[in-house]
Structure formats: structure tokens, C-alpha cells
């Protein structure tokens, strides 16, 4: 196995024989593999947490969207009611004008 330069220097400083060098290298690569596995597990856990958070956010956003749609429907219903009331009010005003016009005409004819 090729060793990084710094690791090779450290092994040469510690090891007294070629057999020691091989043991140190094997031990170093073993610990390195363990570290890589641990880091991979941590990343997996974080990915799972992010996925769960993403699902929760999607659920919350869809609930919020449903509520907003419900409010929009209610607002549209209110708009329709206001339009109906405006038409009723206009009809009432026209009726009052016609009625007062009739009263004024009758009074004018009597005078």
C-alpha cells in the first residue's frame, strides 16, 4: 500500500525494524478505516435527520397552503356578498328617488 509522505516519515521515526513498520502501517490504516466508517455513519445520520426535517417542512407548507386556499375561498364569498349588498343598496336608492320624485310630482300638481 502506498503511504502518504508524512505518515511514512512518522513510521520511520517510530519503527525500529521493517516488521514494526508494517504493523504500524496496518494499524494506522485500520484506525483510518474506522474513522472513515464512523464519519460515514455520522453523515448518514445527518442525511436522515435532514430528510425528516424536509418531510416535516413539506407537511407544514402544505397545511399552510390549504389554510390560505380556505381563506381565499372565504374572501371570495365575502366579495360576492358585498357585491349583492351593493346591488341591493343601489336598487333601494333608485326606489327612494323614484318614490320621492313621485311625491314631489304629486305635491307640485296639487299646488
Protein backbone atom coordinates (compact mmCIF):
# COMPACT_ATOMS: atom_id res chain seq x y z
CA UNK A 1 0.00 0.00 0.00
CA UNK A 2 1.32 3.45 -0.79
CA UNK A 3 1.64 5.62 2.29
CA UNK A 4 1.37 9.39 2.50
CA UNK A 5 4.73 11.09 2.90
CA UNK A 6 4.12 12.44 6.41
CA UNK A 7 2.79 9.11 7.61
CA UNK A 8 5.83 7.36 6.13
CA UNK A 9 8.18 9.74 7.99
CA UNK A 10 6.35 9.12 11.28
CA UNK A 11 6.51 5.35 10.79
CA UNK A 12 10.26 5.52 10.12
CA UNK A 13 10.83 7.56 13.28
CA UNK A 14 8.84 5.14 15.47
CA UNK A 15 9.68 1.77 13.93
CA UNK A 16 12.94 0.07 14.63
CA UNK A 17 12.57 -2.75 12.12
CA UNK A 18 10.79 -3.45 8.84
CA UNK A 19 8.29 -5.66 10.69
CA UNK A 20 7.42 -2.77 13.03
CA UNK A 21 6.86 -0.53 10.00
CA UNK A 22 4.34 -2.97 8.56
CA UNK A 23 2.49 -3.31 11.88
CA UNK A 24 2.32 0.43 12.33
CA UNK A 25 1.12 0.91 8.76
CA UNK A 26 -1.56 -1.78 9.18
CA UNK A 27 -2.67 -0.29 12.49
CA UNK A 28 -2.76 3.21 11.01
CA UNK A 29 -4.83 2.09 8.04
CA UNK A 30 -7.13 0.14 10.36
CA UNK A 31 -7.78 3.22 12.51
CA UNK A 32 -8.17 5.34 9.41
CA UNK A 33 -10.77 2.89 8.06
CA UNK A 34 -12.59 3.04 11.41
CA UNK A 35 -12.60 6.81 11.29
CA UNK A 36 -13.93 6.79 7.74
CA UNK A 37 -16.70 4.35 8.74
CA UNK A 38 -17.61 6.50 11.75
CA UNK A 39 -17.73 9.66 9.64
CA UNK A 40 -19.84 7.86 7.03
CA UNK A 41 -22.30 6.81 9.75
CA UNK A 42 -22.46 10.37 11.08
CA UNK A 43 -23.14 11.72 7.60
CA UNK A 44 -25.86 9.09 7.13
CA UNK A 45 -27.50 10.11 10.40
CA UNK A 46 -27.38 13.76 9.41
CA UNK A 47 -28.85 12.92 6.00
CA UNK A 48 -31.69 11.06 7.71
CA UNK A 49 -32.33 13.99 10.04
CA UNK A 50 -32.35 16.40 7.09
CA UNK A 51 -34.78 14.12 5.21
CA UNK A 52 -37.12 14.02 8.23
CA UNK A 53 -36.91 17.79 8.60
CA UNK A 54 -37.63 18.19 4.89
CA UNK A 55 -40.72 15.97 5.21
CA UNK A 56 -41.95 17.97 8.21
CA UNK A 57 -41.44 21.24 6.36
CA UNK A 58 -43.31 19.94 3.31
CA UNK A 59 -46.19 18.85 5.56
CA UNK A 60 -46.30 22.23 7.31
CA UNK A 61 -46.15 24.11 4.00
CA UNK A 62 -48.97 22.02 2.54
CA UNK A 63 -51.11 22.68 5.64
CA UNK A 64 -50.36 26.38 5.35
CA UNK A 65 -51.23 26.32 1.66
CA UNK A 66 -54.55 24.59 2.44
CA UNK A 67 -55.38 27.24 5.04
CA UNK A 68 -54.51 30.03 2.62
CA UNK A 69 -56.74 28.45 -0.03
CA UNK A 70 -59.56 28.24 2.53
CA UNK A 71 -59.12 31.90 3.38
CA UNK A 72 -59.13 32.83 -0.30
CA UNK A 73 -62.42 30.96 -0.73
CA UNK A 74 -63.94 32.77 2.24
CA UNK A 75 -62.73 36.14 0.92
CA UNK A 76 -64.28 35.36 -2.48
CA UNK A 77 -67.54 34.50 -0.71
CA UNK A 78 -67.42 37.82 1.14
CA UNK A 79 -66.77 39.65 -2.12
CA UNK A 80 -69.88 38.04 -3.61
CA UNK A 81 -71.96 39.04 -0.58
CA UNK A 82 -70.64 42.61 -0.71
CA UNK A 83 -71.48 42.80 -4.42
CA UNK A 84 -75.02 41.57 -3.66
CA UNK A 85 -75.39 44.17 -0.90
CA UNK A 86 -74.17 46.91 -3.23
CA UNK A 87 -76.76 45.94 -5.83
CA UNK A 88 -79.47 45.88 -3.15
CA UNK A 89 -78.32 49.32 -1.93
CA UNK A 90 -78.40 50.76 -5.48
CA UNK A 91 -81.88 49.33 -6.02
CA UNK A 92 -83.03 50.84 -2.71
CA UNK A 93 -81.62 54.27 -3.61
CA UNK A 94 -83.30 54.16 -7.03
CA UNK A 95 -86.57 53.14 -5.40
CA UNK A 96 -86.30 56.02 -2.93
CA UNK A 97 -85.53 58.53 -5.70
CA UNK A 98 -88.46 57.32 -7.76
CA UNK A 99 -90.69 57.42 -4.68
CA UNK A 100 -89.60 60.92 -3.70
CA UNK A 101 -89.93 62.02 -7.33
CA UNK A 102 -93.48 60.74 -7.29
CA UNK A 103 -94.25 62.52 -4.04
CA UNK A 104 -92.73 65.76 -5.33
CA UNK A 105 -94.72 65.45 -8.56
CA UNK A 106 -97.96 64.86 -6.67
CA UNK A 107 -97.26 67.80 -4.37
CA UNK A 108 -96.34 70.00 -7.33
CA UNK A 109 -99.57 69.14 -9.11
CA UNK A 110 -101.66 69.94 -6.03
CA UNK A 111 -100.12 73.35 -5.67
